[in-house]
Amino acid sequence: MESTAMITPGLARELATLARLGDDTSTESVLRSLTTTLAAGVPGCSGATVEQWRERRALVSASHSELIALVEGERRLGQGPSFEARGTGRRVLASDLLTERRWPGYAALAVTCGVRSQLVLPIEVGAVQFLVGLHSVRASAFADQAAPPLASMLAEQLSVAMANLWDFEEVRTDAAQLQEAMAGRAIIDQAKGIIMKTSGCSAEEAFDELRRISQHHQVKVADLARLLVEEHSSRR
């Protein structure tokens, strides 16, 4: 078997699309696309999972719901190929879970879920670790010597996809914060206008009064301004 047996032209094309972003792109959507792409594109693969570990917190996605249950079961048991791959940072191959002796509890669970063989590839992207799991209903579906090229391709595509996504999320956050700040400024200007009209003071004095009251009551100026505008509107 050639070392590139896990990689087909179609799989390479589909993995390259992971870095494409849209308005509704999220970490969850990228991971979901990755699992469905691997399940459909890797020869012999019946389903795929990916665990994103960041600061000891995991986000899990799978091509099939049964595999989500398998990942959660492995975590409860504290044993299995993903558990080992996370701890060692090395890929783990289980050629036949029906005869597997390293993790008896997990092997029994996997066979119950219809999984006979499994390959887990740990991939580091900055401070984030991804555990990519390939599952098959057949024994010996994956060759260990074929794993490095796939792991390299996944590391490259995940690095690009996640870097693009993280930059995109930062831009979206900045835009949301700017929009919130502009909305807050508008409501403060309305509140200042109310104070100026009722008190005959200047804009600067009106803002000083808003700030003084907000500090006294320990509320944000924008929140105080919103209450003042709402109260003023209700009196009309």
Protein backbone atom coordinates (compact mmCIF):
# COMPACT_ATOMS: atom_id res chain seq x y z
CA MET A 1 0.00 0.00 0.00
CA GLU A 2 1.37 3.42 -0.93
CA SER A 3 1.91 6.06 1.74
CA THR A 4 -0.58 8.39 0.06
CA ALA A 5 -3.41 5.83 0.07
CA MET A 6 -5.55 7.89 2.47
CA ILE A 7 -5.36 11.00 0.31
CA THR A 8 -7.41 11.26 -2.86
CA PRO A 9 -7.65 14.29 -5.20
CA GLY A 10 -11.24 14.81 -4.09
CA LEU A 11 -10.27 14.79 -0.43
CA ALA A 12 -7.48 17.29 -1.03
CA ARG A 13 -9.88 19.63 -2.83
CA GLU A 14 -12.51 19.40 -0.11
CA LEU A 15 -10.01 19.99 2.71
CA ALA A 16 -8.78 23.12 0.93
CA THR A 17 -12.28 24.61 1.17
CA LEU A 18 -12.16 24.59 4.99
CA ALA A 19 -10.45 27.98 4.94
CA ARG A 20 -13.31 29.65 3.05
CA LEU A 21 -15.29 31.92 5.34
CA GLY A 22 -18.86 33.17 5.27
CA ASP A 23 -21.05 35.28 7.53
CA ASP A 24 -22.24 32.17 9.37
CA THR A 25 -18.82 30.48 9.67
CA SER A 26 -17.93 29.34 13.18
CA THR A 27 -15.56 26.92 14.87
CA GLU A 28 -18.43 24.43 15.02
CA SER A 29 -19.16 24.71 11.30
CA VAL A 30 -15.47 24.27 10.38
CA LEU A 31 -15.13 21.15 12.54
CA ARG A 32 -18.41 19.75 11.24
CA SER A 33 -17.23 20.24 7.65
CA LEU A 34 -13.94 18.55 8.50
CA THR A 35 -15.62 15.43 9.87
CA THR A 36 -18.04 15.05 6.97
CA THR A 37 -15.22 15.60 4.48
CA LEU A 38 -13.04 12.93 6.08
CA ALA A 39 -15.90 10.45 6.40
CA ALA A 40 -16.72 10.82 2.72
CA GLY A 41 -13.21 11.23 1.35
CA VAL A 42 -10.82 8.90 3.19
CA PRO A 43 -10.86 5.40 1.69
CA GLY A 44 -12.21 2.87 4.19
CA CYS A 45 -13.46 5.55 6.59
CA SER A 46 -17.03 5.10 7.82
CA GLY A 47 -17.14 8.13 10.11
CA ALA A 48 -14.94 10.81 11.61
CA THR A 49 -14.64 12.83 14.80
CA VAL A 50 -12.63 15.83 15.89
CA GLU A 51 -11.99 17.11 19.39
CA GLN A 52 -10.70 20.64 19.84
CA TRP A 53 -8.90 21.00 23.18
CA ARG A 54 -8.27 24.54 24.34
CA GLU A 55 -7.34 25.37 27.94
CA ARG A 56 -8.57 21.94 29.09
CA ARG A 57 -11.97 22.51 27.49
CA ALA A 58 -13.14 20.35 24.60
CA LEU A 59 -15.38 21.02 21.63
CA VAL A 60 -16.45 17.83 19.84
CA SER A 61 -17.85 17.32 16.37
CA ALA A 62 -18.64 14.13 14.49
CA SER A 63 -19.99 12.98 11.16
CA HIS A 64 -22.47 10.71 12.96
CA SER A 65 -24.26 11.16 16.28
CA GLU A 66 -23.22 7.67 17.46
CA LEU A 67 -19.60 8.79 17.35
CA ILE A 68 -20.32 11.71 19.66
CA ALA A 69 -21.55 9.16 22.20
CA LEU A 70 -18.38 7.12 21.65
CA VAL A 71 -16.15 10.15 22.30
CA GLU A 72 -18.07 11.00 25.45
CA GLY A 73 -17.90 7.37 26.57
CA GLU A 74 -14.13 7.32 26.10
CA ARG A 75 -13.80 10.43 28.23
CA ARG A 76 -15.88 8.85 31.00
CA LEU A 77 -13.81 5.68 30.89
CA GLY A 78 -10.51 7.56 30.86
CA GLN A 79 -9.09 5.15 28.29
CA GLY A 80 -8.98 4.79 24.53
CA PRO A 81 -7.03 5.87 21.44
CA SER A 82 -8.01 9.56 21.64
CA PHE A 83 -7.21 9.63 25.35
CA GLU A 84 -3.78 8.13 24.61
CA ALA A 85 -3.11 10.41 21.64
CA ARG A 86 -3.91 13.48 23.70
CA GLY A 87 -1.55 12.41 26.45
CA THR A 88 1.36 11.37 24.25
CA GLY A 89 0.98 13.75 21.29
CA ARG A 90 1.47 10.78 18.95
CA ARG A 91 -0.93 9.13 16.53
CA VAL A 92 -2.66 5.98 17.74
CA LEU A 93 -3.87 3.12 15.56
CA ALA A 94 -6.30 0.41 16.65
CA SER A 95 -6.37 -2.13 13.82
CA ASP A 96 -9.06 -4.35 15.32
CA LEU A 97 -11.00 -3.25 18.37
CA LEU A 98 -12.60 -6.67 18.60
CA THR A 99 -9.24 -8.08 19.75
CA GLU A 100 -7.78 -4.88 21.25
CA ARG A 101 -6.23 -5.35 24.70
CA ARG A 102 -4.91 -1.85 25.50
CA TRP A 103 -8.28 -0.37 26.46
CA PRO A 104 -10.75 -3.21 27.11
CA GLY A 105 -13.57 -0.97 28.31
CA TYR A 106 -13.31 1.38 25.36
CA ALA A 107 -12.87 -1.45 22.86
CA ALA A 108 -16.09 -3.07 24.03
CA LEU A 109 -17.94 0.24 23.72
CA ALA A 110 -16.54 0.92 20.24
CA VAL A 111 -17.53 -2.51 18.94
CA THR A 112 -21.02 -1.95 20.34
CA CYS A 113 -21.14 1.25 18.28
CA GLY A 114 -20.09 -0.69 15.18
CA VAL A 115 -16.48 0.54 15.08
CA ARG A 116 -13.85 -2.13 14.33
CA SER A 117 -10.77 -0.01 13.57
CA GLN A 118 -9.70 3.51 14.40
CA LEU A 119 -6.89 5.97 13.75
CA VAL A 120 -6.40 9.11 15.85
CA LEU A 121 -4.17 11.95 14.66
CA PRO A 122 -3.18 14.66 17.18
CA ILE A 123 -2.61 18.02 15.51
CA GLU A 124 -1.30 21.15 17.20
CA VAL A 125 -2.38 24.60 15.98
CA GLY A 126 -0.83 27.18 18.26
CA ALA A 127 -2.09 26.56 21.79
CA VAL A 128 -4.95 24.40 20.51
CA GLN A 129 -4.82 20.63 20.12
CA PHE A 130 -7.07 18.80 17.67
CA LEU A 131 -7.65 15.06 17.89
CA VAL A 132 -8.86 13.86 14.50
CA GLY A 133 -10.38 10.39 14.64
CA LEU A 134 -11.05 8.13 11.66
CA HIS A 135 -13.43 5.24 12.32
CA SER A 136 -14.28 2.23 10.20
CA VAL A 137 -16.75 -0.63 10.40
CA ARG A 138 -14.01 -2.88 8.99
CA ALA A 139 -10.93 -4.21 10.76
CA SER A 140 -7.52 -3.02 9.50
CA ALA A 141 -9.08 -0.24 7.44
CA PHE A 142 -6.17 2.16 8.03
CA ALA A 143 -2.44 1.63 7.50
CA ASP A 144 -0.08 3.29 9.94
CA GLN A 145 2.45 4.16 7.21
CA ALA A 146 -0.27 6.03 5.31
CA ALA A 147 -1.05 8.33 8.24
CA PRO A 148 1.83 10.90 8.11
CA PRO A 149 0.88 12.44 4.73
CA LEU A 150 -2.74 12.83 5.86
CA ALA A 151 -1.66 14.27 9.21
CA SER A 152 0.57 16.81 7.43
CA MET A 153 -2.24 17.85 5.11
CA LEU A 154 -4.69 18.17 7.99
CA ALA A 155 -2.21 20.23 10.02
CA GLU A 156 -1.70 22.59 7.09
CA GLN A 157 -5.38 23.02 6.27
CA LEU A 158 -6.48 23.32 9.90
CA SER A 159 -3.80 25.92 10.57
CA VAL A 160 -4.99 28.07 7.68
CA ALA A 161 -8.68 27.55 8.42
CA MET A 162 -8.42 28.33 12.12
CA ALA A 163 -6.12 31.32 11.62
CA ASN A 164 -8.61 32.78 9.12
CA LEU A 165 -11.51 32.03 11.45
CA TRP A 166 -9.85 33.56 14.51
CA ASP A 167 -8.98 36.71 12.54
CA PHE A 168 -12.54 36.84 11.21
CA GLU A 169 -14.03 36.44 14.70
CA GLU A 170 -11.79 39.24 15.99
CA VAL A 171 -13.02 41.53 13.22
CA ARG A 172 -16.64 40.59 13.97
CA THR A 173 -16.08 41.27 17.67
CA ASP A 174 -14.48 44.64 16.95
CA ALA A 175 -17.36 45.56 14.63
CA ALA A 176 -19.95 44.55 17.24
CA GLN A 177 -18.16 46.55 19.93
CA LEU A 178 -17.94 49.58 17.63
CA GLN A 179 -21.64 49.31 16.82
CA GLU A 180 -22.45 49.04 20.51
CA ALA A 181 -20.27 52.06 21.28
CA MET A 182 -21.96 54.11 18.54
CA ALA A 183 -25.39 53.14 19.83
CA GLY A 184 -24.33 54.08 23.35
CA ARG A 185 -23.00 57.44 22.15
CA ALA A 186 -26.29 58.17 20.37
CA ILE A 187 -28.38 57.45 23.47
CA ILE A 188 -26.05 59.57 25.62
CA ASP A 189 -26.47 62.47 23.17
CA GLN A 190 -30.26 62.12 23.47
CA ALA A 191 -30.03 62.13 27.28
CA LYS A 192 -27.80 65.20 27.19
CA GLY A 193 -30.35 66.94 25.00
CA ILE A 194 -33.11 66.21 27.54
CA ILE A 195 -31.02 67.58 30.41
CA MET A 196 -30.04 70.67 28.41
CA LYS A 197 -33.66 71.35 27.55
CA THR A 198 -34.95 70.95 31.10
CA SER A 199 -32.04 72.63 32.89
CA GLY A 200 -30.87 75.18 30.35
CA CYS A 201 -27.27 74.01 30.72
CA SER A 202 -24.54 73.39 28.17
CA ALA A 203 -23.74 70.03 26.56
CA GLU A 204 -20.62 69.71 28.69
CA GLU A 205 -22.55 70.43 31.88
CA ALA A 206 -25.24 67.94 30.87
CA PHE A 207 -22.65 65.21 30.41
CA ASP A 208 -21.00 66.08 33.74
CA GLU A 209 -24.41 65.68 35.41
CA LEU A 210 -24.94 62.28 33.75
CA ARG A 211 -21.52 61.14 34.88
CA ARG A 212 -22.06 62.39 38.43
CA ILE A 213 -25.37 60.52 38.76
CA SER A 214 -23.93 57.34 37.20
CA GLN A 215 -21.04 57.33 39.66
CA HIS A 216 -23.37 57.93 42.59
CA HIS A 217 -25.64 55.03 41.62
CA GLN A 218 -22.79 52.89 40.26
CA VAL A 219 -24.32 52.37 36.82
CA LYS A 220 -22.83 52.92 33.39
CA VAL A 221 -23.40 56.31 31.79
CA ALA A 222 -24.94 54.65 28.74
CA ASP A 223 -27.36 52.62 30.89
CA LEU A 224 -28.35 55.72 32.84
CA ALA A 225 -28.85 57.65 29.61
CA ARG A 226 -31.07 54.87 28.23
CA LEU A 227 -33.25 54.95 31.36
CA LEU A 228 -33.57 58.72 31.13
CA VAL A 229 -34.56 58.60 27.46
CA GLU A 230 -37.08 55.80 28.06
CA GLU A 231 -38.62 57.66 31.00
CA HIS A 232 -38.81 60.86 29.00
CA SER A 233 -40.48 59.04 26.09
CA SER A 234 -43.05 57.43 28.37
CA ARG A 235 -44.15 60.87 29.64
CA ARG A 236 -45.07 62.12 26.21
